[in-house]
Amino acid sequence: MNPIAYALATFQDWIDNRAVIRRIVLLFTLYMTYYGVATAWKFASASPFDGIGTAAVIAAVLAPIAALQGFAFQNYTGSRKVE
């Protein structure tokens, strides 16, 4: 077997066996949630809107992030059950 192909196959097996990509996706969505909440906090403290308007803007921004985080976490826990 070609040594380069063998090295690539070994590296790919290493990534698959340790669930590196799934963990990166999970950590990235957790960071995205943190960043979204921190930004929403800053927006809420300096918002020109009233309370309901500010809440509506924050909900419109954070709802898709929360849905993505839920999907990523469900995908991660589901993939751990298979292994």
PDB file of N, CA and C in Angstrom:
ATOM      1  N   MET A   1       0.845  -1.185   0.000  1.00  0.00           N
ATOM      2  CA  MET A   1       0.000   0.000   0.000  1.00  0.00           C
ATOM      3  C   MET A   1       0.887   1.244   0.000  1.00  0.00           C
ATOM      4  N   ASN A   2       0.417   2.239  -0.665  1.00  0.00           N
ATOM      5  CA  ASN A   2       1.118   3.517  -0.736  1.00  0.00           C
ATOM      6  C   ASN A   2       1.240   4.107   0.676  1.00  0.00           C
ATOM      7  N   PRO A   3       2.434   4.578   1.077  1.00  0.00           N
ATOM      8  CA  PRO A   3       2.600   5.098   2.436  1.00  0.00           C
ATOM      9  C   PRO A   3       1.754   6.351   2.707  1.00  0.00           C
ATOM     10  N   ILE A   4       1.544   7.159   1.703  1.00  0.00           N
ATOM     11  CA  ILE A   4       0.726   8.365   1.892  1.00  0.00           C
ATOM     12  C   ILE A   4      -0.737   7.974   2.091  1.00  0.00           C
ATOM     13  N   ALA A   5      -1.217   7.046   1.287  1.00  0.00           N
ATOM     14  CA  ALA A   5      -2.595   6.585   1.437  1.00  0.00           C
ATOM     15  C   ALA A   5      -2.785   5.902   2.787  1.00  0.00           C
ATOM     16  N   TYR A   6      -1.777   5.143   3.225  1.00  0.00           N
ATOM     17  CA  TYR A   6      -1.860   4.486   4.528  1.00  0.00           C
ATOM     18  C   TYR A   6      -1.899   5.517   5.656  1.00  0.00           C
ATOM     19  N   ALA A   7      -1.080   6.552   5.564  1.00  0.00           N
ATOM     20  CA  ALA A   7      -1.060   7.599   6.584  1.00  0.00           C
ATOM     21  C   ALA A   7      -2.390   8.345   6.625  1.00  0.00           C
ATOM     22  N   LEU A   8      -2.938   8.640   5.467  1.00  0.00           N
ATOM     23  CA  LEU A   8      -4.239   9.320   5.419  1.00  0.00           C
ATOM     24  C   LEU A   8      -5.349   8.433   5.982  1.00  0.00           C
ATOM     25  N   ALA A   9      -5.332   7.166   5.655  1.00  0.00           N
ATOM     26  CA  ALA A   9      -6.337   6.244   6.179  1.00  0.00           C
ATOM     27  C   ALA A   9      -6.214   6.102   7.691  1.00  0.00           C
ATOM     28  N   THR A  10      -4.992   6.038   8.187  1.00  0.00           N
ATOM     29  CA  THR A  10      -4.771   5.945   9.633  1.00  0.00           C
ATOM     30  C   THR A  10      -5.261   7.200  10.334  1.00  0.00           C
ATOM     31  N   PHE A  11      -4.963   8.368   9.762  1.00  0.00           N
ATOM     32  CA  PHE A  11      -5.408   9.631  10.338  1.00  0.00           C
ATOM     33  C   PHE A  11      -6.934   9.731  10.335  1.00  0.00           C
ATOM     34  N   GLN A  12      -7.553   9.309   9.241  1.00  0.00           N
ATOM     35  CA  GLN A  12      -9.015   9.339   9.154  1.00  0.00           C
ATOM     36  C   GLN A  12      -9.641   8.374  10.169  1.00  0.00           C
ATOM     37  N   ASP A  13      -9.056   7.219  10.353  1.00  0.00           N
ATOM     38  CA  ASP A  13      -9.554   6.286  11.371  1.00  0.00           C
ATOM     39  C   ASP A  13      -9.393   6.870  12.764  1.00  0.00           C
ATOM     40  N   TRP A  14      -8.288   7.561  13.008  1.00  0.00           N
ATOM     41  CA  TRP A  14      -8.054   8.198  14.308  1.00  0.00           C
ATOM     42  C   TRP A  14      -9.124   9.244  14.589  1.00  0.00           C
ATOM     43  N   ILE A  15      -9.460  10.054  13.571  1.00  0.00           N
ATOM     44  CA  ILE A  15     -10.500  11.079  13.730  1.00  0.00           C
ATOM     45  C   ILE A  15     -11.857  10.423  13.964  1.00  0.00           C
ATOM     46  N   ASP A  16     -12.177   9.388  13.212  1.00  0.00           N
ATOM     47  CA  ASP A  16     -13.473   8.717  13.356  1.00  0.00           C
ATOM     48  C   ASP A  16     -13.609   8.023  14.709  1.00  0.00           C
ATOM     49  N   ASN A  17     -12.576   7.356  15.161  1.00  0.00           N
ATOM     50  CA  ASN A  17     -12.647   6.614  16.421  1.00  0.00           C
ATOM     51  C   ASN A  17     -12.765   7.519  17.635  1.00  0.00           C
ATOM     52  N   ARG A  18     -12.281   8.726  17.536  1.00  0.00           N
ATOM     53  CA  ARG A  18     -12.322   9.646  18.676  1.00  0.00           C
ATOM     54  C   ARG A  18     -13.420  10.699  18.559  1.00  0.00           C
ATOM     55  N   ALA A  19     -14.234  10.620  17.539  1.00  0.00           N
ATOM     56  CA  ALA A  19     -15.369  11.530  17.331  1.00  0.00           C
ATOM     57  C   ALA A  19     -14.935  12.990  17.363  1.00  0.00           C
ATOM     58  N   VAL A  20     -13.848  13.290  16.703  1.00  0.00           N
ATOM     59  CA  VAL A  20     -13.282  14.635  16.733  1.00  0.00           C
ATOM     60  C   VAL A  20     -14.228  15.645  16.102  1.00  0.00           C
ATOM     61  N   ILE A  21     -14.770  15.339  14.951  1.00  0.00           N
ATOM     62  CA  ILE A  21     -15.625  16.291  14.238  1.00  0.00           C
ATOM     63  C   ILE A  21     -16.905  16.550  15.023  1.00  0.00           C
ATOM     64  N   ARG A  22     -17.502  15.504  15.579  1.00  0.00           N
ATOM     65  CA  ARG A  22     -18.730  15.694  16.365  1.00  0.00           C
ATOM     66  C   ARG A  22     -18.469  16.563  17.585  1.00  0.00           C
ATOM     67  N   ARG A  23     -17.334  16.400  18.212  1.00  0.00           N
ATOM     68  CA  ARG A  23     -17.001  17.229  19.373  1.00  0.00           C
ATOM     69  C   ARG A  23     -16.734  18.665  18.968  1.00  0.00           C
ATOM     70  N   ILE A  24     -16.091  18.861  17.837  1.00  0.00           N
ATOM     71  CA  ILE A  24     -15.847  20.226  17.353  1.00  0.00           C
ATOM     72  C   ILE A  24     -17.168  20.927  17.061  1.00  0.00           C
ATOM     73  N   VAL A  25     -18.092  20.229  16.415  1.00  0.00           N
ATOM     74  CA  VAL A  25     -19.407  20.815  16.113  1.00  0.00           C
ATOM     75  C   VAL A  25     -20.141  21.162  17.405  1.00  0.00           C
ATOM     76  N   LEU A  26     -20.107  20.266  18.380  1.00  0.00           N
ATOM     77  CA  LEU A  26     -20.773  20.523  19.657  1.00  0.00           C
ATOM     78  C   LEU A  26     -20.148  21.713  20.374  1.00  0.00           C
ATOM     79  N   LEU A  27     -18.832  21.763  20.436  1.00  0.00           N
ATOM     80  CA  LEU A  27     -18.167  22.885  21.113  1.00  0.00           C
ATOM     81  C   LEU A  27     -18.397  24.203  20.374  1.00  0.00           C
ATOM     82  N   PHE A  28     -18.431  24.162  19.049  1.00  0.00           N
ATOM     83  CA  PHE A  28     -18.682  25.386  18.291  1.00  0.00           C
ATOM     84  C   PHE A  28     -20.089  25.906  18.536  1.00  0.00           C
ATOM     85  N   THR A  29     -21.071  25.016  18.601  1.00  0.00           N
ATOM     86  CA  THR A  29     -22.433  25.492  18.868  1.00  0.00           C
ATOM     87  C   THR A  29     -22.570  25.992  20.302  1.00  0.00           C
ATOM     88  N   LEU A  30     -21.848  25.394  21.239  1.00  0.00           N
ATOM     89  CA  LEU A  30     -21.848  25.923  22.603  1.00  0.00           C
ATOM     90  C   LEU A  30     -21.226  27.317  22.646  1.00  0.00           C
ATOM     91  N   TYR A  31     -20.129  27.509  21.917  1.00  0.00           N
ATOM     92  CA  TYR A  31     -19.516  28.832  21.846  1.00  0.00           C
ATOM     93  C   TYR A  31     -20.467  29.833  21.179  1.00  0.00           C
ATOM     94  N   MET A  32     -21.144  29.391  20.121  1.00  0.00           N
ATOM     95  CA  MET A  32     -22.088  30.268  19.443  1.00  0.00           C
ATOM     96  C   MET A  32     -23.211  30.690  20.382  1.00  0.00           C
ATOM     97  N   THR A  33     -23.677  29.779  21.207  1.00  0.00           N
ATOM     98  CA  THR A  33     -24.712  30.105  22.183  1.00  0.00           C
ATOM     99  C   THR A  33     -24.190  31.112  23.194  1.00  0.00           C
ATOM    100  N   TYR A  34     -22.985  30.879  23.694  1.00  0.00           N
ATOM    101  CA  TYR A  34     -22.383  31.826  24.635  1.00  0.00           C
ATOM    102  C   TYR A  34     -22.249  33.208  24.002  1.00  0.00           C
ATOM    103  N   TYR A  35     -21.732  33.263  22.795  1.00  0.00           N
ATOM    104  CA  TYR A  35     -21.539  34.547  22.116  1.00  0.00           C
ATOM    105  C   TYR A  35     -22.883  35.233  21.851  1.00  0.00           C
ATOM    106  N   GLY A  36     -23.878  34.465  21.462  1.00  0.00           N
ATOM    107  CA  GLY A  36     -25.205  35.038  21.220  1.00  0.00           C
ATOM    108  C   GLY A  36     -25.820  35.600  22.485  1.00  0.00           C
ATOM    109  N   VAL A  37     -25.683  34.887  23.594  1.00  0.00           N
ATOM    110  CA  VAL A  37     -26.241  35.376  24.865  1.00  0.00           C
ATOM    111  C   VAL A  37     -25.482  36.607  25.344  1.00  0.00           C
ATOM    112  N   ALA A  38     -24.159  36.600  25.212  1.00  0.00           N
ATOM    113  CA  ALA A  38     -23.370  37.769  25.624  1.00  0.00           C
ATOM    114  C   ALA A  38     -23.725  38.991  24.782  1.00  0.00           C
ATOM    115  N   THR A  39     -23.909  38.800  23.493  1.00  0.00           N
ATOM    116  CA  THR A  39     -24.293  39.905  22.617  1.00  0.00           C
ATOM    117  C   THR A  39     -25.713  40.368  22.930  1.00  0.00           C
ATOM    118  N   ALA A  40     -26.608  39.434  23.204  1.00  0.00           N
ATOM    119  CA  ALA A  40     -27.980  39.797  23.559  1.00  0.00           C
ATOM    120  C   ALA A  40     -28.005  40.586  24.862  1.00  0.00           C
ATOM    121  N   TRP A  41     -27.143  40.222  25.788  1.00  0.00           N
ATOM    122  CA  TRP A  41     -27.058  40.934  27.060  1.00  0.00           C
ATOM    123  C   TRP A  41     -26.635  42.383  26.823  1.00  0.00           C
ATOM    124  N   LYS A  42     -25.635  42.572  25.979  1.00  0.00           N
ATOM    125  CA  LYS A  42     -25.182  43.937  25.653  1.00  0.00           C
ATOM    126  C   LYS A  42     -26.279  44.711  24.922  1.00  0.00           C
ATOM    127  N   PHE A  43     -26.963  44.035  23.998  1.00  0.00           N
ATOM    128  CA  PHE A  43     -28.030  44.691  23.257  1.00  0.00           C
ATOM    129  C   PHE A  43     -29.163  45.104  24.190  1.00  0.00           C
ATOM    130  N   ALA A  44     -29.503  44.224  25.125  1.00  0.00           N
ATOM    131  CA  ALA A  44     -30.605  44.518  26.041  1.00  0.00           C
ATOM    132  C   ALA A  44     -30.297  45.699  26.943  1.00  0.00           C
ATOM    133  N   SER A  45     -29.036  45.846  27.308  1.00  0.00           N
ATOM    134  CA  SER A  45     -28.686  46.948  28.203  1.00  0.00           C
ATOM    135  C   SER A  45     -28.632  48.283  27.474  1.00  0.00           C
ATOM    136  N   ALA A  46     -28.486  48.275  26.160  1.00  0.00           N
ATOM    137  CA  ALA A  46     -28.387  49.523  25.414  1.00  0.00           C
ATOM    138  C   ALA A  46     -29.464  49.660  24.344  1.00  0.00           C
ATOM    139  N   SER A  47     -30.532  48.882  24.437  1.00  0.00           N
ATOM    140  CA  SER A  47     -31.553  48.871  23.400  1.00  0.00           C
ATOM    141  C   SER A  47     -32.438  50.116  23.456  1.00  0.00           C
ATOM    142  N   PRO A  48     -32.745  50.688  22.298  1.00  0.00           N
ATOM    143  CA  PRO A  48     -33.663  51.817  22.269  1.00  0.00           C
ATOM    144  C   PRO A  48     -35.136  51.380  22.313  1.00  0.00           C
ATOM    145  N   PHE A  49     -35.379  50.067  22.186  1.00  0.00           N
ATOM    146  CA  PHE A  49     -36.747  49.558  22.168  1.00  0.00           C
ATOM    147  C   PHE A  49     -37.298  49.420  23.587  1.00  0.00           C
ATOM    148  N   ASP A  50     -38.612  49.252  23.663  1.00  0.00           N
ATOM    149  CA  ASP A  50     -39.216  48.972  24.967  1.00  0.00           C
ATOM    150  C   ASP A  50     -38.940  47.504  25.332  1.00  0.00           C
ATOM    151  N   GLY A  51     -39.452  47.050  26.452  1.00  0.00           N
ATOM    152  CA  GLY A  51     -39.151  45.701  26.939  1.00  0.00           C
ATOM    153  C   GLY A  51     -39.598  44.601  26.009  1.00  0.00           C
ATOM    154  N   ILE A  52     -40.807  44.731  25.457  1.00  0.00           N
ATOM    155  CA  ILE A  52     -41.325  43.682  24.564  1.00  0.00           C
ATOM    156  C   ILE A  52     -40.561  43.687  23.241  1.00  0.00           C
ATOM    157  N   GLY A  53     -40.228  44.847  22.728  1.00  0.00           N
ATOM    158  CA  GLY A  53     -39.461  44.920  21.480  1.00  0.00           C
ATOM    159  C   GLY A  53     -38.071  44.331  21.636  1.00  0.00           C
ATOM    160  N   THR A  54     -37.428  44.625  22.756  1.00  0.00           N
ATOM    161  CA  THR A  54     -36.104  44.064  23.015  1.00  0.00           C
ATOM    162  C   THR A  54     -36.183  42.544  23.138  1.00  0.00           C
ATOM    163  N   ALA A  55     -37.187  42.057  23.853  1.00  0.00           N
ATOM    164  CA  ALA A  55     -37.350  40.608  24.012  1.00  0.00           C
ATOM    165  C   ALA A  55     -37.624  39.939  22.670  1.00  0.00           C
ATOM    166  N   ALA A  56     -38.388  40.588  21.813  1.00  0.00           N
ATOM    167  CA  ALA A  56     -38.693  40.009  20.504  1.00  0.00           C
ATOM    168  C   ALA A  56     -37.432  39.905  19.645  1.00  0.00           C
ATOM    169  N   VAL A  57     -36.599  40.938  19.672  1.00  0.00           N
ATOM    170  CA  VAL A  57     -35.361  40.903  18.891  1.00  0.00           C
ATOM    171  C   VAL A  57     -34.430  39.810  19.421  1.00  0.00           C
ATOM    172  N   ILE A  58     -34.292  39.743  20.737  1.00  0.00           N
ATOM    173  CA  ILE A  58     -33.416  38.732  21.325  1.00  0.00           C
ATOM    174  C   ILE A  58     -33.932  37.333  21.018  1.00  0.00           C
ATOM    175  N   ALA A  59     -35.231  37.121  21.120  1.00  0.00           N
ATOM    176  CA  ALA A  59     -35.800  35.802  20.818  1.00  0.00           C
ATOM    177  C   ALA A  59     -35.615  35.443  19.347  1.00  0.00           C
ATOM    178  N   ALA A  60     -35.758  36.433  18.468  1.00  0.00           N
ATOM    179  CA  ALA A  60     -35.588  36.158  17.037  1.00  0.00           C
ATOM    180  C   ALA A  60     -34.152  35.772  16.707  1.00  0.00           C
ATOM    181  N   VAL A  61     -33.204  36.287  17.462  1.00  0.00           N
ATOM    182  CA  VAL A  61     -31.800  35.965  17.200  1.00  0.00           C
ATOM    183  C   VAL A  61     -31.396  34.657  17.882  1.00  0.00           C
ATOM    184  N   LEU A  62     -31.835  34.450  19.115  1.00  0.00           N
ATOM    185  CA  LEU A  62     -31.370  33.285  19.872  1.00  0.00           C
ATOM    186  C   LEU A  62     -32.143  32.000  19.572  1.00  0.00           C
ATOM    187  N   ALA A  63     -33.348  32.091  19.050  1.00  0.00           N
ATOM    188  CA  ALA A  63     -34.130  30.870  18.776  1.00  0.00           C
ATOM    189  C   ALA A  63     -33.446  29.953  17.762  1.00  0.00           C
ATOM    190  N   PRO A  64     -32.956  30.459  16.631  1.00  0.00           N
ATOM    191  CA  PRO A  64     -32.264  29.547  15.702  1.00  0.00           C
ATOM    192  C   PRO A  64     -30.981  28.962  16.291  1.00  0.00           C
ATOM    193  N   ILE A  65     -30.283  29.752  17.101  1.00  0.00           N
ATOM    194  CA  ILE A  65     -29.058  29.244  17.717  1.00  0.00           C
ATOM    195  C   ILE A  65     -29.399  28.123  18.694  1.00  0.00           C
ATOM    196  N   ALA A  66     -30.458  28.304  19.473  1.00  0.00           N
ATOM    197  CA  ALA A  66     -30.872  27.268  20.421  1.00  0.00           C
ATOM    198  C   ALA A  66     -31.324  26.003  19.688  1.00  0.00           C
ATOM    199  N   ALA A  67     -32.009  26.172  18.575  1.00  0.00           N
ATOM    200  CA  ALA A  67     -32.432  25.009  17.794  1.00  0.00           C
ATOM    201  C   ALA A  67     -31.222  24.265  17.232  1.00  0.00           C
ATOM    202  N   LEU A  68     -30.242  25.003  16.740  1.00  0.00           N
ATOM    203  CA  LEU A  68     -29.026  24.379  16.219  1.00  0.00           C
ATOM    204  C   LEU A  68     -28.268  23.661  17.327  1.00  0.00           C
ATOM    205  N   GLN A  69     -28.193  24.284  18.500  1.00  0.00           N
ATOM    206  CA  GLN A  69     -27.514  23.645  19.621  1.00  0.00           C
ATOM    207  C   GLN A  69     -28.243  22.372  20.038  1.00  0.00           C
ATOM    208  N   GLY A  70     -29.557  22.402  20.063  1.00  0.00           N
ATOM    209  CA  GLY A  70     -30.318  21.204  20.396  1.00  0.00           C
ATOM    210  C   GLY A  70     -30.082  20.084  19.404  1.00  0.00           C
ATOM    211  N   PHE A  71     -30.041  20.428  18.126  1.00  0.00           N
ATOM    212  CA  PHE A  71     -29.772  19.423  17.100  1.00  0.00           C
ATOM    213  C   PHE A  71     -28.367  18.853  17.247  1.00  0.00           C
ATOM    214  N   ALA A  72     -27.379  19.717  17.479  1.00  0.00           N
ATOM    215  CA  ALA A  72     -26.001  19.247  17.612  1.00  0.00           C
ATOM    216  C   ALA A  72     -25.850  18.344  18.833  1.00  0.00           C
ATOM    217  N   PHE A  73     -26.481  18.710  19.943  1.00  0.00           N
ATOM    218  CA  PHE A  73     -26.385  17.888  21.142  1.00  0.00           C
ATOM    219  C   PHE A  73     -27.098  16.549  20.951  1.00  0.00           C
ATOM    220  N   GLN A  74     -28.257  16.586  20.310  1.00  0.00           N
ATOM    221  CA  GLN A  74     -28.988  15.342  20.037  1.00  0.00           C
ATOM    222  C   GLN A  74     -28.184  14.446  19.104  1.00  0.00           C
ATOM    223  N   ASN A  75     -27.566  15.023  18.102  1.00  0.00           N
ATOM    224  CA  ASN A  75     -26.739  14.259  17.172  1.00  0.00           C
ATOM    225  C   ASN A  75     -25.535  13.663  17.895  1.00  0.00           C
ATOM    226  N   TYR A  76     -24.921  14.433  18.790  1.00  0.00           N
ATOM    227  CA  TYR A  76     -23.762  13.951  19.521  1.00  0.00           C
ATOM    228  C   TYR A  76     -24.139  12.816  20.462  1.00  0.00           C
ATOM    229  N   THR A  77     -25.213  12.973  21.223  1.00  0.00           N
ATOM    230  CA  THR A  77     -25.607  11.908  22.145  1.00  0.00           C
ATOM    231  C   THR A  77     -26.096  10.678  21.391  1.00  0.00           C
ATOM    232  N   GLY A  78     -26.762  10.883  20.261  1.00  0.00           N
ATOM    233  CA  GLY A  78     -27.207   9.745  19.448  1.00  0.00           C
ATOM    234  C   GLY A  78     -26.045   8.971  18.861  1.00  0.00           C
ATOM    235  N   SER A  79     -25.003   9.673  18.468  1.00  0.00           N
ATOM    236  CA  SER A  79     -23.846   8.994  17.886  1.00  0.00           C
ATOM    237  C   SER A  79     -23.057   8.246  18.951  1.00  0.00           C
ATOM    238  N   ARG A  80     -23.106   8.688  20.187  1.00  0.00           N
ATOM    239  CA  ARG A  80     -22.393   7.988  21.263  1.00  0.00           C
ATOM    240  C   ARG A  80     -23.102   6.689  21.624  1.00  0.00           C
ATOM    241  N   LYS A  81     -24.422   6.614  21.418  1.00  0.00           N
ATOM    242  CA  LYS A  81     -25.154   5.384  21.710  1.00  0.00           C
ATOM    243  C   LYS A  81     -24.804   4.293  20.708  1.00  0.00           C
ATOM    244  N   VAL A  82     -24.502   4.692  19.475  1.00  0.00           N
ATOM    245  CA  VAL A  82     -24.195   3.734  18.416  1.00  0.00           C
ATOM    246  C   VAL A  82     -22.861   3.061  18.683  1.00  0.00           C
ATOM    247  N   GLU A  83     -21.913   3.816  19.215  1.00  0.00           N
ATOM    248  CA  GLU A  83     -20.559   3.283  19.407  1.00  0.00           C
ATOM    249  C   GLU A  83     -20.461   2.273  20.486  1.00  0.00           C
TER     250      GLU A  83
END
